[in-house]
Amino acid sequence: MNPGELACWKCGANLKEVPLPYGRRSECPACHAELHACRMCRHHAPGKAKQCMEPAAEDVKDKARGNFCDWFQPGQAGTPQAANPAGRTALEALFDGSPAVNKDDARKALDDLFGG
């Protein structure tokens, strides 16, 4: 893969300035996330066993930390955490410090819904 096409798994920053192959201590120049990590590997698959498409790979507990996996191949395994601003905005809207729901209104809504 062309290093100019790689983006950090955590912040989405372009990694064209970081030399390949990524070593155990390679970091993103923008957010300092470790790059030789499962989250940056093309084999990373959260829905699979061990979260890896490579069946011979050893299980790595912390997918965001640098590791010594021999199967590591840099690639875009998924969407960087910071790449979904609409989702982040919706999540923050849930916890924006707005007043809590009135308990009596919530109880009435539940009673109306479930016939209580």
Protein backbone atom coordinates (compact mmCIF):
# COMPACT_ATOMS: atom_id res chain seq x y z
CA MET A 1 0.00 0.00 0.00
CA ASN A 2 1.23 3.48 -0.80
CA PRO A 3 2.17 5.30 2.44
CA GLY A 4 0.43 8.45 1.14
CA GLU A 5 -2.88 6.57 1.27
CA LEU A 6 -2.58 5.52 4.91
CA ALA A 7 -4.39 7.41 7.63
CA CYS A 8 -4.08 7.08 11.39
CA TRP A 9 -6.59 4.66 12.88
CA LYS A 10 -7.28 7.06 15.77
CA CYS A 11 -7.35 10.61 14.37
CA GLY A 12 -7.42 10.10 10.58
CA ALA A 13 -4.21 12.10 9.96
CA ASN A 14 -2.30 11.31 6.76
CA LEU A 15 0.75 9.13 7.45
CA LYS A 16 2.78 9.84 4.30
CA GLU A 17 5.66 11.25 6.39
CA VAL A 18 5.98 8.13 8.55
CA PRO A 19 8.43 5.66 6.94
CA LEU A 20 7.38 2.09 6.22
CA PRO A 21 7.60 -0.55 7.56
CA TYR A 22 6.08 0.61 10.82
CA GLY A 23 8.15 -0.45 13.79
CA ARG A 24 6.86 -1.39 17.21
CA ARG A 25 7.35 2.22 18.39
CA SER A 26 6.11 4.08 15.28
CA GLU A 27 3.63 6.81 16.17
CA CYS A 28 1.17 9.08 14.41
CA PRO A 29 2.77 12.53 14.16
CA ALA A 30 -0.57 14.21 14.97
CA CYS A 31 -2.00 12.26 17.93
CA HIS A 32 0.91 9.96 18.87
CA ALA A 33 -1.18 6.79 18.54
CA GLU A 34 0.93 3.67 18.11
CA LEU A 35 0.84 2.50 14.49
CA HIS A 36 2.10 -1.11 14.67
CA ALA A 37 -1.21 -1.99 16.33
CA CYS A 38 -4.13 -4.19 15.38
CA ARG A 39 -6.34 -1.14 14.77
CA MET A 40 -3.95 -0.08 11.98
CA CYS A 41 -3.64 -3.55 10.40
CA ARG A 42 -5.47 -4.63 7.28
CA HIS A 43 -6.30 -7.94 9.03
CA HIS A 44 -8.18 -6.23 11.89
CA ALA A 45 -11.80 -7.39 11.88
CA PRO A 46 -13.82 -6.63 15.03
CA GLY A 47 -16.52 -9.17 14.14
CA LYS A 48 -14.11 -12.11 13.81
CA ALA A 49 -12.59 -14.41 16.42
CA LYS A 50 -9.66 -12.64 18.08
CA GLN A 51 -10.78 -9.63 15.98
CA CYS A 52 -8.39 -10.76 13.26
CA MET A 53 -8.84 -12.25 9.78
CA GLU A 54 -5.45 -14.03 10.05
CA PRO A 55 -6.20 -17.39 11.72
CA ALA A 56 -2.54 -18.05 12.62
CA ALA A 57 -2.06 -14.74 14.44
CA GLU A 58 -1.72 -14.80 18.21
CA ASP A 59 -4.42 -13.10 20.26
CA VAL A 60 -3.52 -9.50 21.12
CA LYS A 61 -5.49 -8.15 24.07
CA ASP A 62 -5.12 -4.39 23.49
CA LYS A 63 -5.82 -3.72 19.81
CA ALA A 64 -4.81 -0.04 20.11
CA ARG A 65 -1.31 -0.63 21.51
CA GLY A 66 1.85 -1.42 19.58
CA ASN A 67 2.63 -5.13 19.37
CA PHE A 68 5.05 -7.63 17.84
CA CYS A 69 2.59 -9.44 15.53
CA ASP A 70 4.40 -10.94 12.55
CA TRP A 71 1.22 -10.78 10.45
CA PHE A 72 0.90 -6.99 10.74
CA GLN A 73 0.33 -5.23 7.41
CA PRO A 74 -0.55 -1.54 7.48
CA GLY A 75 -3.89 -0.80 5.95
CA GLN A 76 -7.22 0.84 6.53
CA ALA A 77 -9.01 -1.76 8.60
CA GLY A 78 -11.85 0.58 9.49
CA THR A 79 -13.00 4.15 9.90
CA PRO A 80 -10.79 6.29 12.10
CA GLN A 81 -12.46 7.20 15.39
CA ALA A 82 -12.48 10.89 14.50
CA ALA A 83 -13.87 10.39 10.99
CA ASN A 84 -17.54 10.29 11.93
CA PRO A 85 -18.38 13.83 13.07
CA ALA A 86 -22.15 13.32 12.65
CA GLY A 87 -22.09 10.36 15.02
CA ARG A 88 -19.91 12.25 17.48
CA THR A 89 -22.26 15.25 17.34
CA ALA A 90 -25.31 13.05 17.99
CA LEU A 91 -23.57 11.36 20.90
CA GLU A 92 -22.51 14.65 22.45
CA ALA A 93 -26.07 15.96 22.09
CA LEU A 94 -27.23 13.15 24.38
CA PHE A 95 -24.84 14.25 27.12
CA ASP A 96 -24.73 18.00 26.67
CA GLY A 97 -25.61 18.83 30.25
CA SER A 98 -29.25 19.57 29.47
CA PRO A 99 -31.70 19.19 32.36
CA ALA A 100 -32.56 15.65 33.32
CA VAL A 101 -35.93 14.25 32.37
CA ASN A 102 -38.61 14.81 35.00
CA LYS A 103 -39.16 11.49 36.85
CA ASP A 104 -42.92 11.97 36.99
CA ASP A 105 -43.12 12.60 33.22
CA ALA A 106 -40.93 9.57 32.55
CA ARG A 107 -43.07 7.36 34.83
CA LYS A 108 -46.27 8.56 33.14
CA ALA A 109 -44.80 7.87 29.69
CA LEU A 110 -43.85 4.33 30.76
CA ASP A 111 -47.25 3.73 32.32
CA ASP A 112 -48.97 4.97 29.16
CA LEU A 113 -46.74 2.79 27.01
CA PHE A 114 -47.06 -0.40 29.06
CA GLY A 115 -50.53 0.15 30.50
CA GLY A 116 -49.37 0.52 34.10
